[in-house]
Amino acid sequence: MPRSKGGVVLRRRHNKALKFTKGQRMSRHLLWHRANEAMLKSLFYATRDRRQRKRDLRGLWITRINAAARQNSITYSRLMHALKQADIRLDRKILADLAVRDAQAFARIVEAARSA
């Protein structure tokens, strides 16, 4: 049986990795083996960091809500508890956006939560 070499399929696979890593430094965009390692690593990082971004944004929202809540003389945890008691269903993303863009509306929400 004759020996099967990669041929056109192998060249396409190599070119795919090299095209993917275009713009990277040193041998990562020149040599196929290094380019393939870089490509696999970058795809792994991209997958991991899509989940990481969600965690980071939630932390940022909590920090913003806490800062705005303390300006209204209440802590973050007491505010969130008061919101649940008052049955005000706003998620952290919306609360953080209100805290940054519309301080008066955020203050009204805090007062409504306090009174309930």
PDB file of N, CA and C in Angstrom:
ATOM      1  N   MET A   1       0.853  -1.184   0.000  1.00  0.00           N
ATOM      2  CA  MET A   1       0.000   0.000   0.000  1.00  0.00           C
ATOM      3  C   MET A   1       0.898   1.246   0.000  1.00  0.00           C
ATOM      4  N   PRO A   2       0.632   2.189  -0.869  1.00  0.00           N
ATOM      5  CA  PRO A   2       1.488   3.370  -0.928  1.00  0.00           C
ATOM      6  C   PRO A   2       1.301   4.266   0.298  1.00  0.00           C
ATOM      7  N   ARG A   3       2.360   4.996   0.608  1.00  0.00           N
ATOM      8  CA  ARG A   3       2.332   5.889   1.758  1.00  0.00           C
ATOM      9  C   ARG A   3       1.467   7.112   1.432  1.00  0.00           C
ATOM     10  N   SER A   4       0.589   7.447   2.362  1.00  0.00           N
ATOM     11  CA  SER A   4      -0.314   8.584   2.136  1.00  0.00           C
ATOM     12  C   SER A   4       0.265   9.807   2.831  1.00  0.00           C
ATOM     13  N   LYS A   5       0.544  10.828   2.064  1.00  0.00           N
ATOM     14  CA  LYS A   5       1.015  12.093   2.626  1.00  0.00           C
ATOM     15  C   LYS A   5      -0.164  13.064   2.630  1.00  0.00           C
ATOM     16  N   GLY A   6       0.018  14.183   3.272  1.00  0.00           N
ATOM     17  CA  GLY A   6      -1.092  15.121   3.471  1.00  0.00           C
ATOM     18  C   GLY A   6      -1.632  15.727   2.195  1.00  0.00           C
ATOM     19  N   GLY A   7      -0.743  16.187   1.366  1.00  0.00           N
ATOM     20  CA  GLY A   7      -1.171  16.796   0.109  1.00  0.00           C
ATOM     21  C   GLY A   7      -1.929  18.093   0.311  1.00  0.00           C
ATOM     22  N   VAL A   8      -2.961  18.266  -0.470  1.00  0.00           N
ATOM     23  CA  VAL A   8      -3.727  19.510  -0.488  1.00  0.00           C
ATOM     24  C   VAL A   8      -4.428  19.751   0.843  1.00  0.00           C
ATOM     25  N   VAL A   9      -4.937  18.689   1.455  1.00  0.00           N
ATOM     26  CA  VAL A   9      -5.680  18.828   2.715  1.00  0.00           C
ATOM     27  C   VAL A   9      -4.760  19.355   3.814  1.00  0.00           C
ATOM     28  N   LEU A  10      -3.539  18.831   3.859  1.00  0.00           N
ATOM     29  CA  LEU A  10      -2.577  19.272   4.867  1.00  0.00           C
ATOM     30  C   LEU A  10      -2.208  20.739   4.647  1.00  0.00           C
ATOM     31  N   ARG A  11      -2.000  21.117   3.400  1.00  0.00           N
ATOM     32  CA  ARG A  11      -1.660  22.514   3.084  1.00  0.00           C
ATOM     33  C   ARG A  11      -2.789  23.448   3.501  1.00  0.00           C
ATOM     34  N   ARG A  12      -4.045  23.036   3.268  1.00  0.00           N
ATOM     35  CA  ARG A  12      -5.186  23.864   3.672  1.00  0.00           C
ATOM     36  C   ARG A  12      -5.237  24.032   5.182  1.00  0.00           C
ATOM     37  N   ARG A  13      -4.975  22.930   5.894  1.00  0.00           N
ATOM     38  CA  ARG A  13      -4.997  22.976   7.350  1.00  0.00           C
ATOM     39  C   ARG A  13      -3.907  23.909   7.880  1.00  0.00           C
ATOM     40  N   HIS A  14      -2.736  23.823   7.269  1.00  0.00           N
ATOM     41  CA  HIS A  14      -1.636  24.693   7.682  1.00  0.00           C
ATOM     42  C   HIS A  14      -1.967  26.155   7.394  1.00  0.00           C
ATOM     43  N   ASN A  15      -2.486  26.411   6.215  1.00  0.00           N
ATOM     44  CA  ASN A  15      -2.815  27.791   5.850  1.00  0.00           C
ATOM     45  C   ASN A  15      -3.903  28.375   6.744  1.00  0.00           C
ATOM     46  N   LYS A  16      -4.828  27.524   7.176  1.00  0.00           N
ATOM     47  CA  LYS A  16      -5.898  27.983   8.056  1.00  0.00           C
ATOM     48  C   LYS A  16      -5.323  28.489   9.376  1.00  0.00           C
ATOM     49  N   ALA A  17      -4.392  27.724   9.940  1.00  0.00           N
ATOM     50  CA  ALA A  17      -3.765  28.133  11.202  1.00  0.00           C
ATOM     51  C   ALA A  17      -2.920  29.382  11.006  1.00  0.00           C
ATOM     52  N   LEU A  18      -2.192  29.447   9.910  1.00  0.00           N
ATOM     53  CA  LEU A  18      -1.338  30.608   9.646  1.00  0.00           C
ATOM     54  C   LEU A  18      -2.177  31.865   9.407  1.00  0.00           C
ATOM     55  N   LYS A  19      -3.302  31.715   8.738  1.00  0.00           N
ATOM     56  CA  LYS A  19      -4.186  32.856   8.510  1.00  0.00           C
ATOM     57  C   LYS A  19      -4.812  33.324   9.822  1.00  0.00           C
ATOM     58  N   PHE A  20      -5.139  32.387  10.674  1.00  0.00           N
ATOM     59  CA  PHE A  20      -5.767  32.695  11.958  1.00  0.00           C
ATOM     60  C   PHE A  20      -4.834  33.505  12.849  1.00  0.00           C
ATOM     61  N   THR A  21      -3.526  33.210  12.788  1.00  0.00           N
ATOM     62  CA  THR A  21      -2.564  33.860  13.676  1.00  0.00           C
ATOM     63  C   THR A  21      -1.861  35.038  13.013  1.00  0.00           C
ATOM     64  N   LYS A  22      -2.373  35.507  11.886  1.00  0.00           N
ATOM     65  CA  LYS A  22      -1.780  36.657  11.219  1.00  0.00           C
ATOM     66  C   LYS A  22      -1.821  37.860  12.163  1.00  0.00           C
ATOM     67  N   GLY A  23      -0.699  38.542  12.286  1.00  0.00           N
ATOM     68  CA  GLY A  23      -0.639  39.690  13.173  1.00  0.00           C
ATOM     69  C   GLY A  23      -0.014  39.382  14.512  1.00  0.00           C
ATOM     70  N   GLN A  24       0.270  38.109  14.800  1.00  0.00           N
ATOM     71  CA  GLN A  24       0.936  37.776  16.048  1.00  0.00           C
ATOM     72  C   GLN A  24       2.444  37.923  15.888  1.00  0.00           C
ATOM     73  N   ARG A  25       3.140  37.949  17.008  1.00  0.00           N
ATOM     74  CA  ARG A  25       4.563  38.254  16.988  1.00  0.00           C
ATOM     75  C   ARG A  25       5.417  37.013  16.734  1.00  0.00           C
ATOM     76  N   MET A  26       6.627  37.288  16.280  1.00  0.00           N
ATOM     77  CA  MET A  26       7.697  36.309  16.134  1.00  0.00           C
ATOM     78  C   MET A  26       7.267  35.115  15.282  1.00  0.00           C
ATOM     79  N   SER A  27       7.567  33.905  15.741  1.00  0.00           N
ATOM     80  CA  SER A  27       7.321  32.738  14.891  1.00  0.00           C
ATOM     81  C   SER A  27       5.880  32.255  14.942  1.00  0.00           C
ATOM     82  N   ARG A  28       5.047  32.921  15.762  1.00  0.00           N
ATOM     83  CA  ARG A  28       3.665  32.454  15.917  1.00  0.00           C
ATOM     84  C   ARG A  28       2.844  32.675  14.653  1.00  0.00           C
ATOM     85  N   HIS A  29       3.279  33.539  13.768  1.00  0.00           N
ATOM     86  CA  HIS A  29       2.556  33.737  12.510  1.00  0.00           C
ATOM     87  C   HIS A  29       3.344  33.222  11.303  1.00  0.00           C
ATOM     88  N   LEU A  30       4.505  32.638  11.568  1.00  0.00           N
ATOM     89  CA  LEU A  30       5.339  32.167  10.468  1.00  0.00           C
ATOM     90  C   LEU A  30       5.419  30.646  10.383  1.00  0.00           C
ATOM     91  N   LEU A  31       5.624  29.994  11.519  1.00  0.00           N
ATOM     92  CA  LEU A  31       5.822  28.550  11.544  1.00  0.00           C
ATOM     93  C   LEU A  31       4.509  27.856  11.881  1.00  0.00           C
ATOM     94  N   TRP A  32       4.196  26.793  11.135  1.00  0.00           N
ATOM     95  CA  TRP A  32       2.899  26.151  11.320  1.00  0.00           C
ATOM     96  C   TRP A  32       2.723  25.590  12.723  1.00  0.00           C
ATOM     97  N   HIS A  33       3.742  24.926  13.250  1.00  0.00           N
ATOM     98  CA  HIS A  33       3.600  24.287  14.564  1.00  0.00           C
ATOM     99  C   HIS A  33       3.333  25.342  15.635  1.00  0.00           C
ATOM    100  N   ARG A  34       4.094  26.417  15.627  1.00  0.00           N
ATOM    101  CA  ARG A  34       3.886  27.495  16.609  1.00  0.00           C
ATOM    102  C   ARG A  34       2.531  28.188  16.370  1.00  0.00           C
ATOM    103  N   ALA A  35       2.170  28.349  15.116  1.00  0.00           N
ATOM    104  CA  ALA A  35       0.884  28.995  14.795  1.00  0.00           C
ATOM    105  C   ALA A  35      -0.280  28.133  15.276  1.00  0.00           C
ATOM    106  N   ASN A  36      -0.157  26.830  15.117  1.00  0.00           N
ATOM    107  CA  ASN A  36      -1.227  25.930  15.555  1.00  0.00           C
ATOM    108  C   ASN A  36      -1.378  25.984  17.072  1.00  0.00           C
ATOM    109  N   GLU A  37      -0.263  25.989  17.800  1.00  0.00           N
ATOM    110  CA  GLU A  37      -0.324  26.114  19.261  1.00  0.00           C
ATOM    111  C   GLU A  37      -0.986  27.423  19.666  1.00  0.00           C
ATOM    112  N   ALA A  38      -0.584  28.516  18.986  1.00  0.00           N
ATOM    113  CA  ALA A  38      -1.139  29.830  19.310  1.00  0.00           C
ATOM    114  C   ALA A  38      -2.629  29.877  19.008  1.00  0.00           C
ATOM    115  N   MET A  39      -3.036  29.272  17.898  1.00  0.00           N
ATOM    116  CA  MET A  39      -4.447  29.260  17.514  1.00  0.00           C
ATOM    117  C   MET A  39      -5.276  28.500  18.550  1.00  0.00           C
ATOM    118  N   LEU A  40      -4.818  27.316  18.944  1.00  0.00           N
ATOM    119  CA  LEU A  40      -5.566  26.517  19.917  1.00  0.00           C
ATOM    120  C   LEU A  40      -5.660  27.247  21.252  1.00  0.00           C
ATOM    121  N   LYS A  41      -4.562  27.874  21.665  1.00  0.00           N
ATOM    122  CA  LYS A  41      -4.552  28.590  22.933  1.00  0.00           C
ATOM    123  C   LYS A  41      -5.498  29.790  22.883  1.00  0.00           C
ATOM    124  N   SER A  42      -5.494  30.511  21.750  1.00  0.00           N
ATOM    125  CA  SER A  42      -6.357  31.683  21.652  1.00  0.00           C
ATOM    126  C   SER A  42      -7.830  31.291  21.636  1.00  0.00           C
ATOM    127  N   LEU A  43      -8.151  30.173  20.996  1.00  0.00           N
ATOM    128  CA  LEU A  43      -9.541  29.703  20.995  1.00  0.00           C
ATOM    129  C   LEU A  43      -9.967  29.279  22.399  1.00  0.00           C
ATOM    130  N   PHE A  44      -9.046  28.655  23.143  1.00  0.00           N
ATOM    131  CA  PHE A  44      -9.331  28.272  24.527  1.00  0.00           C
ATOM    132  C   PHE A  44      -9.576  29.516  25.385  1.00  0.00           C
ATOM    133  N   TYR A  45      -8.705  30.527  25.233  1.00  0.00           N
ATOM    134  CA  TYR A  45      -8.866  31.761  26.004  1.00  0.00           C
ATOM    135  C   TYR A  45     -10.187  32.451  25.657  1.00  0.00           C
ATOM    136  N   ALA A  46     -10.539  32.460  24.389  1.00  0.00           N
ATOM    137  CA  ALA A  46     -11.773  33.130  23.971  1.00  0.00           C
ATOM    138  C   ALA A  46     -12.990  32.458  24.605  1.00  0.00           C
ATOM    139  N   THR A  47     -12.990  31.127  24.615  1.00  0.00           N
ATOM    140  CA  THR A  47     -14.099  30.383  25.211  1.00  0.00           C
ATOM    141  C   THR A  47     -14.179  30.663  26.705  1.00  0.00           C
ATOM    142  N   ARG A  48     -13.012  30.604  27.382  1.00  0.00           N
ATOM    143  CA  ARG A  48     -12.970  30.833  28.829  1.00  0.00           C
ATOM    144  C   ARG A  48     -13.407  32.252  29.172  1.00  0.00           C
ATOM    145  N   ASP A  49     -12.920  33.225  28.404  1.00  0.00           N
ATOM    146  CA  ASP A  49     -13.153  34.614  28.761  1.00  0.00           C
ATOM    147  C   ASP A  49     -14.548  35.099  28.416  1.00  0.00           C
ATOM    148  N   ARG A  50     -15.280  34.377  27.568  1.00  0.00           N
ATOM    149  CA  ARG A  50     -16.688  34.733  27.372  1.00  0.00           C
ATOM    150  C   ARG A  50     -17.459  34.522  28.666  1.00  0.00           C
ATOM    151  N   ARG A  51     -17.103  33.502  29.417  1.00  0.00           N
ATOM    152  CA  ARG A  51     -17.732  33.287  30.723  1.00  0.00           C
ATOM    153  C   ARG A  51     -17.179  34.253  31.761  1.00  0.00           C
ATOM    154  N   GLN A  52     -15.874  34.508  31.695  1.00  0.00           N
ATOM    155  CA  GLN A  52     -15.226  35.408  32.641  1.00  0.00           C
ATOM    156  C   GLN A  52     -15.799  36.824  32.543  1.00  0.00           C
ATOM    157  N   ARG A  53     -16.119  37.264  31.311  1.00  0.00           N
ATOM    158  CA  ARG A  53     -16.645  38.613  31.113  1.00  0.00           C
ATOM    159  C   ARG A  53     -17.949  38.797  31.878  1.00  0.00           C
ATOM    160  N   LYS A  54     -18.801  37.766  31.902  1.00  0.00           N
ATOM    161  CA  LYS A  54     -20.068  37.853  32.616  1.00  0.00           C
ATOM    162  C   LYS A  54     -19.820  38.077  34.106  1.00  0.00           C
ATOM    163  N   ARG A  55     -18.818  37.367  34.655  1.00  0.00           N
ATOM    164  CA  ARG A  55     -18.480  37.538  36.074  1.00  0.00           C
ATOM    165  C   ARG A  55     -17.942  38.934  36.342  1.00  0.00           C
ATOM    166  N   ASP A  56     -17.064  39.401  35.466  1.00  0.00           N
ATOM    167  CA  ASP A  56     -16.452  40.714  35.658  1.00  0.00           C
ATOM    168  C   ASP A  56     -17.489  41.824  35.608  1.00  0.00           C
ATOM    169  N   LEU A  57     -18.420  41.728  34.655  1.00  0.00           N
ATOM    170  CA  LEU A  57     -19.450  42.762  34.535  1.00  0.00           C
ATOM    171  C   LEU A  57     -20.368  42.777  35.749  1.00  0.00           C
ATOM    172  N   ARG A  58     -20.716  41.588  36.265  1.00  0.00           N
ATOM    173  CA  ARG A  58     -21.565  41.552  37.450  1.00  0.00           C
ATOM    174  C   ARG A  58     -20.861  42.221  38.631  1.00  0.00           C
ATOM    175  N   GLY A  59     -19.554  41.970  38.777  1.00  0.00           N
ATOM    176  CA  GLY A  59     -18.789  42.623  39.842  1.00  0.00           C
ATOM    177  C   GLY A  59     -18.761  44.135  39.679  1.00  0.00           C
ATOM    178  N   LEU A  60     -18.627  44.586  38.442  1.00  0.00           N
ATOM    179  CA  LEU A  60     -18.627  46.032  38.163  1.00  0.00           C
ATOM    180  C   LEU A  60     -19.977  46.649  38.513  1.00  0.00           C
ATOM    181  N   TRP A  61     -21.062  45.958  38.144  1.00  0.00           N
ATOM    182  CA  TRP A  61     -22.397  46.470  38.469  1.00  0.00           C
ATOM    183  C   TRP A  61     -22.583  46.590  39.974  1.00  0.00           C
ATOM    184  N   ILE A  62     -22.143  45.575  40.711  1.00  0.00           N
ATOM    185  CA  ILE A  62     -22.300  45.582  42.168  1.00  0.00           C
ATOM    186  C   ILE A  62     -21.511  46.741  42.771  1.00  0.00           C
ATOM    187  N   THR A  63     -20.295  46.978  42.263  1.00  0.00           N
ATOM    188  CA  THR A  63     -19.481  48.082  42.764  1.00  0.00           C
ATOM    189  C   THR A  63     -20.167  49.421  42.515  1.00  0.00           C
ATOM    190  N   ARG A  64     -20.738  49.602  41.333  1.00  0.00           N
ATOM    191  CA  ARG A  64     -21.414  50.860  41.009  1.00  0.00           C
ATOM    192  C   ARG A  64     -22.658  51.071  41.864  1.00  0.00           C
ATOM    193  N   ILE A  65     -23.428  49.984  42.059  1.00  0.00           N
ATOM    194  CA  ILE A  65     -24.638  50.089  42.889  1.00  0.00           C
ATOM    195  C   ILE A  65     -24.258  50.431  44.319  1.00  0.00           C
ATOM    196  N   ASN A  66     -23.210  49.801  44.823  1.00  0.00           N
ATOM    197  CA  ASN A  66     -22.768  50.048  46.200  1.00  0.00           C
ATOM    198  C   ASN A  66     -22.336  51.500  46.372  1.00  0.00           C
ATOM    199  N   ALA A  67     -21.586  52.033  45.404  1.00  0.00           N
ATOM    200  CA  ALA A  67     -21.138  53.427  45.502  1.00  0.00           C
ATOM    201  C   ALA A  67     -22.330  54.383  45.506  1.00  0.00           C
ATOM    202  N   ALA A  68     -23.284  54.143  44.618  1.00  0.00           N
ATOM    203  CA  ALA A  68     -24.461  55.019  44.556  1.00  0.00           C
ATOM    204  C   ALA A  68     -25.341  54.846  45.791  1.00  0.00           C
ATOM    205  N   ALA A  69     -25.435  53.624  46.297  1.00  0.00           N
ATOM    206  CA  ALA A  69     -26.257  53.378  47.483  1.00  0.00           C
ATOM    207  C   ALA A  69     -25.675  54.089  48.697  1.00  0.00           C
ATOM    208  N   ARG A  70     -24.354  54.069  48.828  1.00  0.00           N
ATOM    209  CA  ARG A  70     -23.717  54.743  49.969  1.00  0.00           C
ATOM    210  C   ARG A  70     -23.890  56.256  49.891  1.00  0.00           C
ATOM    211  N   GLN A  71     -24.012  56.807  48.688  1.00  0.00           N
ATOM    212  CA  GLN A  71     -24.321  58.233  48.570  1.00  0.00           C
ATOM    213  C   GLN A  71     -25.738  58.529  49.063  1.00  0.00           C
ATOM    214  N   ASN A  72     -26.590  57.502  49.031  1.00  0.00           N
ATOM    215  CA  ASN A  72     -27.950  57.626  49.559  1.00  0.00           C
ATOM    216  C   ASN A  72     -28.062  57.035  50.968  1.00  0.00           C
ATOM    217  N   SER A  73     -26.930  56.904  51.637  1.00  0.00           N
ATOM    218  CA  SER A  73     -26.795  56.439  53.035  1.00  0.00           C
ATOM    219  C   SER A  73     -27.457  55.076  53.287  1.00  0.00           C
ATOM    220  N   ILE A  74     -27.115  54.122  52.445  1.00  0.00           N
ATOM    221  CA  ILE A  74     -27.529  52.735  52.644  1.00  0.00           C
ATOM    222  C   ILE A  74     -26.463  51.858  52.002  1.00  0.00           C
ATOM    223  N   THR A  75     -26.253  50.669  52.558  1.00  0.00           N
ATOM    224  CA  THR A  75     -25.243  49.779  51.984  1.00  0.00           C
ATOM    225  C   THR A  75     -25.867  48.938  50.875  1.00  0.00           C
ATOM    226  N   TYR A  76     -25.004  48.299  50.110  1.00  0.00           N
ATOM    227  CA  TYR A  76     -25.463  47.474  48.988  1.00  0.00           C
ATOM    228  C   TYR A  76     -26.356  46.336  49.474  1.00  0.00           C
ATOM    229  N   SER A  77     -25.905  45.624  50.504  1.00  0.00           N
ATOM    230  CA  SER A  77     -26.662  44.443  50.938  1.00  0.00           C
ATOM    231  C   SER A  77     -28.020  44.837  51.518  1.00  0.00           C
ATOM    232  N   ARG A  78     -28.062  45.943  52.265  1.00  0.00           N
ATOM    233  CA  ARG A  78     -29.343  46.408  52.812  1.00  0.00           C
ATOM    234  C   ARG A  78     -30.280  46.889  51.695  1.00  0.00           C
ATOM    235  N   LEU A  79     -29.695  47.519  50.673  1.00  0.00           N
ATOM    236  CA  LEU A  79     -30.504  47.975  49.528  1.00  0.00           C
ATOM    237  C   LEU A  79     -31.114  46.786  48.794  1.00  0.00           C
ATOM    238  N   MET A  80     -30.314  45.772  48.518  1.00  0.00           N
ATOM    239  CA  MET A  80     -30.829  44.613  47.785  1.00  0.00           C
ATOM    240  C   MET A  80     -31.904  43.897  48.606  1.00  0.00           C
ATOM    241  N   HIS A  81     -31.707  43.815  49.913  1.00  0.00           N
ATOM    242  CA  HIS A  81     -32.723  43.196  50.768  1.00  0.00           C
ATOM    243  C   HIS A  81     -34.009  44.022  50.750  1.00  0.00           C
ATOM    244  N   ALA A  82     -33.867  45.345  50.824  1.00  0.00           N
ATOM    245  CA  ALA A  82     -35.035  46.227  50.810  1.00  0.00           C
ATOM    246  C   ALA A  82     -35.775  46.145  49.478  1.00  0.00           C
ATOM    247  N   LEU A  83     -35.032  46.018  48.386  1.00  0.00           N
ATOM    248  CA  LEU A  83     -35.669  45.889  47.078  1.00  0.00           C
ATOM    249  C   LEU A  83     -36.489  44.605  46.991  1.00  0.00           C
ATOM    250  N   LYS A  84     -35.963  43.522  47.553  1.00  0.00           N
ATOM    251  CA  LYS A  84     -36.718  42.263  47.548  1.00  0.00           C
ATOM    252  C   LYS A  84     -37.960  42.366  48.415  1.00  0.00           C
ATOM    253  N   GLN A  85     -37.837  43.030  49.566  1.00  0.00           N
ATOM    254  CA  GLN A  85     -38.983  43.202  50.456  1.00  0.00           C
ATOM    255  C   GLN A  85     -40.063  44.057  49.798  1.00  0.00           C
ATOM    256  N   ALA A  86     -39.634  45.085  49.047  1.00  0.00           N
ATOM    257  CA  ALA A  86     -40.585  45.985  48.391  1.00  0.00           C
ATOM    258  C   ALA A  86     -41.104  45.417  47.079  1.00  0.00           C
ATOM    259  N   ASP A  87     -40.608  44.248  46.687  1.00  0.00           N
ATOM    260  CA  ASP A  87     -40.991  43.587  45.437  1.00  0.00           C
ATOM    261  C   ASP A  87     -40.699  44.479  44.218  1.00  0.00           C
ATOM    262  N   ILE A  88     -39.538  45.130  44.269  1.00  0.00           N
ATOM    263  CA  ILE A  88     -39.053  45.917  43.133  1.00  0.00           C
ATOM    264  C   ILE A  88     -38.091  45.028  42.375  1.00  0.00           C
ATOM    265  N   ARG A  89     -38.470  44.594  41.189  1.00  0.00           N
ATOM    266  CA  ARG A  89     -37.684  43.615  40.432  1.00  0.00           C
ATOM    267  C   ARG A  89     -36.862  44.300  39.348  1.00  0.00           C
ATOM    268  N   LEU A  90     -35.750  44.873  39.760  1.00  0.00           N
ATOM    269  CA  LEU A  90     -34.777  45.444  38.827  1.00  0.00           C
ATOM    270  C   LEU A  90     -33.479  44.672  38.994  1.00  0.00           C
ATOM    271  N   ASP A  91     -32.908  44.238  37.883  1.00  0.00           N
ATOM    272  CA  ASP A  91     -31.659  43.493  38.011  1.00  0.00           C
ATOM    273  C   ASP A  91     -30.484  44.446  38.202  1.00  0.00           C
ATOM    274  N   ARG A  92     -29.328  43.868  38.505  1.00  0.00           N
ATOM    275  CA  ARG A  92     -28.160  44.667  38.843  1.00  0.00           C
ATOM    276  C   ARG A  92     -27.671  45.510  37.669  1.00  0.00           C
ATOM    277  N   LYS A  93     -27.834  44.996  36.463  1.00  0.00           N
ATOM    278  CA  LYS A  93     -27.405  45.745  35.282  1.00  0.00           C
ATOM    279  C   LYS A  93     -28.194  47.049  35.161  1.00  0.00           C
ATOM    280  N   ILE A  94     -29.506  46.973  35.329  1.00  0.00           N
ATOM    281  CA  ILE A  94     -30.365  48.155  35.216  1.00  0.00           C
ATOM    282  C   ILE A  94     -30.104  49.120  36.368  1.00  0.00           C
ATOM    283  N   LEU A  95     -29.944  48.572  37.589  1.00  0.00           N
ATOM    284  CA  LEU A  95     -29.672  49.432  38.737  1.00  0.00           C
ATOM    285  C   LEU A  95     -28.356  50.180  38.574  1.00  0.00           C
ATOM    286  N   ALA A  96     -27.325  49.489  38.076  1.00  0.00           N
ATOM    287  CA  ALA A  96     -26.028  50.128  37.874  1.00  0.00           C
ATOM    288  C   ALA A  96     -26.122  51.207  36.805  1.00  0.00           C
ATOM    289  N   ASP A  97     -26.887  50.948  35.764  1.00  0.00           N
ATOM    290  CA  ASP A  97     -27.059  51.937  34.705  1.00  0.00           C
ATOM    291  C   ASP A  97     -27.780  53.176  35.244  1.00  0.00           C
ATOM    292  N   LEU A  98     -28.797  52.958  36.046  1.00  0.00           N
ATOM    293  CA  LEU A  98     -29.502  54.085  36.664  1.00  0.00           C
ATOM    294  C   LEU A  98     -28.584  54.861  37.608  1.00  0.00           C
ATOM    295  N   ALA A  99     -27.771  54.142  38.361  1.00  0.00           N
ATOM    296  CA  ALA A  99     -26.863  54.787  39.310  1.00  0.00           C
ATOM    297  C   ALA A  99     -25.884  55.702  38.592  1.00  0.00           C
ATOM    298  N   VAL A 100     -25.428  55.286  37.413  1.00  0.00           N
ATOM    299  CA  VAL A 100     -24.446  56.076  36.673  1.00  0.00           C
ATOM    300  C   VAL A 100     -25.113  57.205  35.903  1.00  0.00           C
ATOM    301  N   ARG A 101     -26.227  56.934  35.224  1.00  0.00           N
ATOM    302  CA  ARG A 101     -26.815  57.901  34.293  1.00  0.00           C
ATOM    303  C   ARG A 101     -27.899  58.791  34.896  1.00  0.00           C
ATOM    304  N   ASP A 102     -28.638  58.279  35.898  1.00  0.00           N
ATOM    305  CA  ASP A 102     -29.764  59.050  36.435  1.00  0.00           C
ATOM    306  C   ASP A 102     -29.802  58.889  37.951  1.00  0.00           C
ATOM    307  N   ALA A 103     -29.058  59.743  38.637  1.00  0.00           N
ATOM    308  CA  ALA A 103     -28.927  59.629  40.091  1.00  0.00           C
ATOM    309  C   ALA A 103     -30.258  59.900  40.804  1.00  0.00           C
ATOM    310  N   GLN A 104     -31.084  60.800  40.263  1.00  0.00           N
ATOM    311  CA  GLN A 104     -32.366  61.103  40.917  1.00  0.00           C
ATOM    312  C   GLN A 104     -33.300  59.900  40.873  1.00  0.00           C
ATOM    313  N   ALA A 105     -33.347  59.216  39.741  1.00  0.00           N
ATOM    314  CA  ALA A 105     -34.193  58.022  39.639  1.00  0.00           C
ATOM    315  C   ALA A 105     -33.706  56.935  40.590  1.00  0.00           C
ATOM    316  N   PHE A 106     -32.399  56.791  40.707  1.00  0.00           N
ATOM    317  CA  PHE A 106     -31.840  55.796  41.639  1.00  0.00           C
ATOM    318  C   PHE A 106     -32.212  56.161  43.074  1.00  0.00           C
ATOM    319  N   ALA A 107     -32.149  57.457  43.396  1.00  0.00           N
ATOM    320  CA  ALA A 107     -32.510  57.901  44.753  1.00  0.00           C
ATOM    321  C   ALA A 107     -33.983  57.614  45.042  1.00  0.00           C
ATOM    322  N   ARG A 108     -34.844  57.792  44.039  1.00  0.00           N
ATOM    323  CA  ARG A 108     -36.279  57.492  44.226  1.00  0.00           C
ATOM    324  C   ARG A 108     -36.503  55.999  44.454  1.00  0.00           C
ATOM    325  N   ILE A 109     -35.730  55.168  43.747  1.00  0.00           N
ATOM    326  CA  ILE A 109     -35.837  53.716  43.937  1.00  0.00           C
ATOM    327  C   ILE A 109     -35.406  53.349  45.347  1.00  0.00           C
ATOM    328  N   VAL A 110     -34.324  53.963  45.838  1.00  0.00           N
ATOM    329  CA  VAL A 110     -33.846  53.698  47.194  1.00  0.00           C
ATOM    330  C   VAL A 110     -34.907  54.109  48.214  1.00  0.00           C
ATOM    331  N   GLU A 111     -35.531  55.254  48.020  1.00  0.00           N
ATOM    332  CA  GLU A 111     -36.583  55.707  48.947  1.00  0.00           C
ATOM    333  C   GLU A 111     -37.793  54.778  48.922  1.00  0.00           C
ATOM    334  N   ALA A 112     -38.164  54.328  47.738  1.00  0.00           N
ATOM    335  CA  ALA A 112     -39.295  53.382  47.635  1.00  0.00           C
ATOM    336  C   ALA A 112     -38.975  52.075  48.334  1.00  0.00           C
ATOM    337  N   ALA A 113     -37.738  51.625  48.210  1.00  0.00           N
ATOM    338  CA  ALA A 113     -37.343  50.378  48.880  1.00  0.00           C
ATOM    339  C   ALA A 113     -37.306  50.564  50.386  1.00  0.00           C
ATOM    340  N   ARG A 114     -36.842  51.722  50.832  1.00  0.00           N
ATOM    341  CA  ARG A 114     -36.783  51.993  52.267  1.00  0.00           C
ATOM    342  C   ARG A 114     -38.163  52.047  52.901  1.00  0.00           C
ATOM    343  N   SER A 115     -39.101  52.669  52.205  1.00  0.00           N
ATOM    344  CA  SER A 115     -40.420  52.868  52.783  1.00  0.00           C
ATOM    345  C   SER A 115     -41.230  51.572  52.869  1.00  0.00           C
ATOM    346  N   ALA A 116     -40.863  50.582  52.076  1.00  0.00           N
ATOM    347  CA  ALA A 116     -41.646  49.345  52.061  1.00  0.00           C
ATOM    348  C   ALA A 116     -41.207  48.344  53.116  1.00  0.00           C
TER     349      ALA A 116
END
